[in-house]
Amino acid sequence: MADQTDDPLFDALSEVWKHIVEGYLQYEDGKPVMLYDIQEKRIYAFQYKGFKSEMSAKSQASLTEQYERAVAAGQMVVFVRDNEARRLVSYSMDYK
């Protein structure tokens, strides 16, 4: 995992990276979408289709493209949510 960046959401992700990978590996066969909520300090693993169904049509299309690329590259998709800043950002990350 990289050192500090100019991206506070990525930095928050970096702080709990080990736990995110552990959570992902529990459900690796299902290729879950991971979500880290900064305020709750909780990590969630969601089935891709269920997570996608909660998004707008535009976001669904974007997630489909990102998810398919990530799975093909052996990566996972991780979202970081900051409710205070009203931001939700996704990253495709190597987990092995």
C-alpha atoms as a PDB file:
ATOM      1  CA  MET A   1       0.000   0.000   0.000  1.00  0.00           C
ATOM      2  CA  ALA A   2       1.264   3.444  -0.896  1.00  0.00           C
ATOM      3  CA  ASP A   3       2.296   6.165   1.532  1.00  0.00           C
ATOM      4  CA  GLN A   4       0.295   9.351   2.118  1.00  0.00           C
ATOM      5  CA  THR A   5      -1.184  11.003  -0.947  1.00  0.00           C
ATOM      6  CA  ASP A   6      -3.131  14.156  -1.721  1.00  0.00           C
ATOM      7  CA  ASP A   7      -6.278  12.009  -1.609  1.00  0.00           C
ATOM      8  CA  PRO A   8      -7.690  11.822   1.936  1.00  0.00           C
ATOM      9  CA  LEU A   9     -10.040   8.975   1.004  1.00  0.00           C
ATOM     10  CA  PHE A  10      -7.170   6.888  -0.321  1.00  0.00           C
ATOM     11  CA  ASP A  11      -5.228   7.689   2.830  1.00  0.00           C
ATOM     12  CA  ALA A  12      -8.177   6.472   4.947  1.00  0.00           C
ATOM     13  CA  LEU A  13      -8.291   3.312   2.825  1.00  0.00           C
ATOM     14  CA  SER A  14      -4.569   2.779   3.381  1.00  0.00           C
ATOM     15  CA  GLU A  15      -5.022   2.908   7.152  1.00  0.00           C
ATOM     16  CA  VAL A  16      -7.381  -0.101   7.150  1.00  0.00           C
ATOM     17  CA  TRP A  17      -6.042  -1.889   4.080  1.00  0.00           C
ATOM     18  CA  LYS A  18      -5.068  -5.075   5.933  1.00  0.00           C
ATOM     19  CA  HIS A  19      -8.612  -5.435   7.285  1.00  0.00           C
ATOM     20  CA  ILE A  20     -10.190  -4.769   3.887  1.00  0.00           C
ATOM     21  CA  VAL A  21      -8.084  -7.517   2.305  1.00  0.00           C
ATOM     22  CA  GLU A  22      -8.965  -9.914   5.137  1.00  0.00           C
ATOM     23  CA  GLY A  23     -12.662  -9.191   4.575  1.00  0.00           C
ATOM     24  CA  TYR A  24     -12.352  -9.615   0.828  1.00  0.00           C
ATOM     25  CA  LEU A  25     -10.562 -12.932   1.159  1.00  0.00           C
ATOM     26  CA  GLN A  26     -13.410 -14.327   3.281  1.00  0.00           C
ATOM     27  CA  TYR A  27     -15.722 -13.946   0.276  1.00  0.00           C
ATOM     28  CA  GLU A  28     -13.163 -14.017  -2.546  1.00  0.00           C
ATOM     29  CA  ASP A  29     -15.015 -16.669  -4.568  1.00  0.00           C
ATOM     30  CA  GLY A  30     -17.970 -14.277  -4.922  1.00  0.00           C
ATOM     31  CA  LYS A  31     -15.753 -11.343  -5.985  1.00  0.00           C
ATOM     32  CA  PRO A  32     -17.481  -8.879  -3.625  1.00  0.00           C
ATOM     33  CA  VAL A  33     -17.458  -5.119  -3.856  1.00  0.00           C
ATOM     34  CA  MET A  34     -15.889  -3.743  -0.686  1.00  0.00           C
ATOM     35  CA  LEU A  35     -16.989  -0.562   1.076  1.00  0.00           C
ATOM     36  CA  TYR A  36     -15.176   1.286   3.836  1.00  0.00           C
ATOM     37  CA  ASP A  37     -17.275   3.844   5.709  1.00  0.00           C
ATOM     38  CA  ILE A  38     -14.985   6.430   7.298  1.00  0.00           C
ATOM     39  CA  GLN A  39     -17.399   7.739   9.925  1.00  0.00           C
ATOM     40  CA  GLU A  40     -18.650   4.312  10.968  1.00  0.00           C
ATOM     41  CA  LYS A  41     -15.125   2.865  10.739  1.00  0.00           C
ATOM     42  CA  ARG A  42     -16.712  -0.245   9.257  1.00  0.00           C
ATOM     43  CA  ILE A  43     -15.859  -2.441   6.312  1.00  0.00           C
ATOM     44  CA  TYR A  44     -18.591  -4.098   4.267  1.00  0.00           C
ATOM     45  CA  ALA A  45     -18.520  -6.789   1.584  1.00  0.00           C
ATOM     46  CA  PHE A  46     -21.406  -6.685  -0.906  1.00  0.00           C
ATOM     47  CA  GLN A  47     -22.440  -8.954  -3.730  1.00  0.00           C
ATOM     48  CA  TYR A  48     -21.727  -7.070  -6.939  1.00  0.00           C
ATOM     49  CA  LYS A  49     -25.255  -7.267  -8.367  1.00  0.00           C
ATOM     50  CA  GLY A  50     -26.912  -6.122  -5.151  1.00  0.00           C
ATOM     51  CA  PHE A  51     -24.511  -3.225  -4.702  1.00  0.00           C
ATOM     52  CA  LYS A  52     -24.902  -2.170  -8.324  1.00  0.00           C
ATOM     53  CA  SER A  53     -28.709  -2.254  -8.121  1.00  0.00           C
ATOM     54  CA  GLU A  54     -28.650   0.522  -5.495  1.00  0.00           C
ATOM     55  CA  MET A  55     -26.892   2.953  -7.874  1.00  0.00           C
ATOM     56  CA  SER A  56     -28.095   5.361 -10.536  1.00  0.00           C
ATOM     57  CA  ALA A  57     -28.023   4.153 -14.152  1.00  0.00           C
ATOM     58  CA  LYS A  58     -24.907   6.219 -14.873  1.00  0.00           C
ATOM     59  CA  SER A  59     -23.121   4.884 -11.797  1.00  0.00           C
ATOM     60  CA  GLN A  60     -24.189   1.335 -12.668  1.00  0.00           C
ATOM     61  CA  ALA A  61     -22.564   1.632 -16.084  1.00  0.00           C
ATOM     62  CA  SER A  62     -19.383   3.009 -14.559  1.00  0.00           C
ATOM     63  CA  LEU A  63     -19.251   0.278 -11.914  1.00  0.00           C
ATOM     64  CA  THR A  64     -19.867  -2.461 -14.492  1.00  0.00           C
ATOM     65  CA  GLU A  65     -16.901  -1.274 -16.548  1.00  0.00           C
ATOM     66  CA  GLN A  66     -14.642  -0.891 -13.507  1.00  0.00           C
ATOM     67  CA  TYR A  67     -15.691  -4.198 -11.938  1.00  0.00           C
ATOM     68  CA  GLU A  68     -15.189  -6.205 -15.135  1.00  0.00           C
ATOM     69  CA  ARG A  69     -11.716  -4.701 -15.642  1.00  0.00           C
ATOM     70  CA  ALA A  70     -10.771  -5.296 -12.005  1.00  0.00           C
ATOM     71  CA  VAL A  71     -11.912  -8.930 -11.958  1.00  0.00           C
ATOM     72  CA  ALA A  72     -10.100  -9.626 -15.246  1.00  0.00           C
ATOM     73  CA  ALA A  73      -6.915  -8.127 -13.757  1.00  0.00           C
ATOM     74  CA  GLY A  74      -7.242 -10.064 -10.485  1.00  0.00           C
ATOM     75  CA  GLN A  75      -8.141  -6.933  -8.516  1.00  0.00           C
ATOM     76  CA  MET A  76     -10.986  -5.928  -6.227  1.00  0.00           C
ATOM     77  CA  VAL A  77     -13.200  -2.844  -6.298  1.00  0.00           C
ATOM     78  CA  VAL A  78     -13.190  -0.871  -3.056  1.00  0.00           C
ATOM     79  CA  PHE A  79     -15.416   2.106  -2.315  1.00  0.00           C
ATOM     80  CA  VAL A  80     -14.594   4.632   0.382  1.00  0.00           C
ATOM     81  CA  ARG A  81     -17.525   6.639   1.745  1.00  0.00           C
ATOM     82  CA  ASP A  82     -17.167   9.919   3.607  1.00  0.00           C
ATOM     83  CA  ASN A  83     -20.642  11.051   4.640  1.00  0.00           C
ATOM     84  CA  GLU A  84     -19.412  14.335   6.129  1.00  0.00           C
ATOM     85  CA  ALA A  85     -17.765  15.408   2.867  1.00  0.00           C
ATOM     86  CA  ARG A  86     -20.537  13.726   0.838  1.00  0.00           C
ATOM     87  CA  ARG A  87     -18.037  11.723  -1.205  1.00  0.00           C
ATOM     88  CA  LEU A  88     -18.042   8.151  -2.451  1.00  0.00           C
ATOM     89  CA  VAL A  89     -14.966   7.116  -4.414  1.00  0.00           C
ATOM     90  CA  SER A  90     -14.032   3.741  -5.897  1.00  0.00           C
ATOM     91  CA  TYR A  91     -10.635   2.207  -6.429  1.00  0.00           C
ATOM     92  CA  SER A  92      -9.507  -0.936  -8.238  1.00  0.00           C
ATOM     93  CA  MET A  93      -6.845  -2.504  -6.062  1.00  0.00           C
ATOM     94  CA  ASP A  94      -4.469  -5.464  -6.108  1.00  0.00           C
ATOM     95  CA  TYR A  95      -5.095  -7.552  -3.028  1.00  0.00           C
ATOM     96  CA  LYS A  96      -2.502 -10.303  -3.367  1.00  0.00           C
END
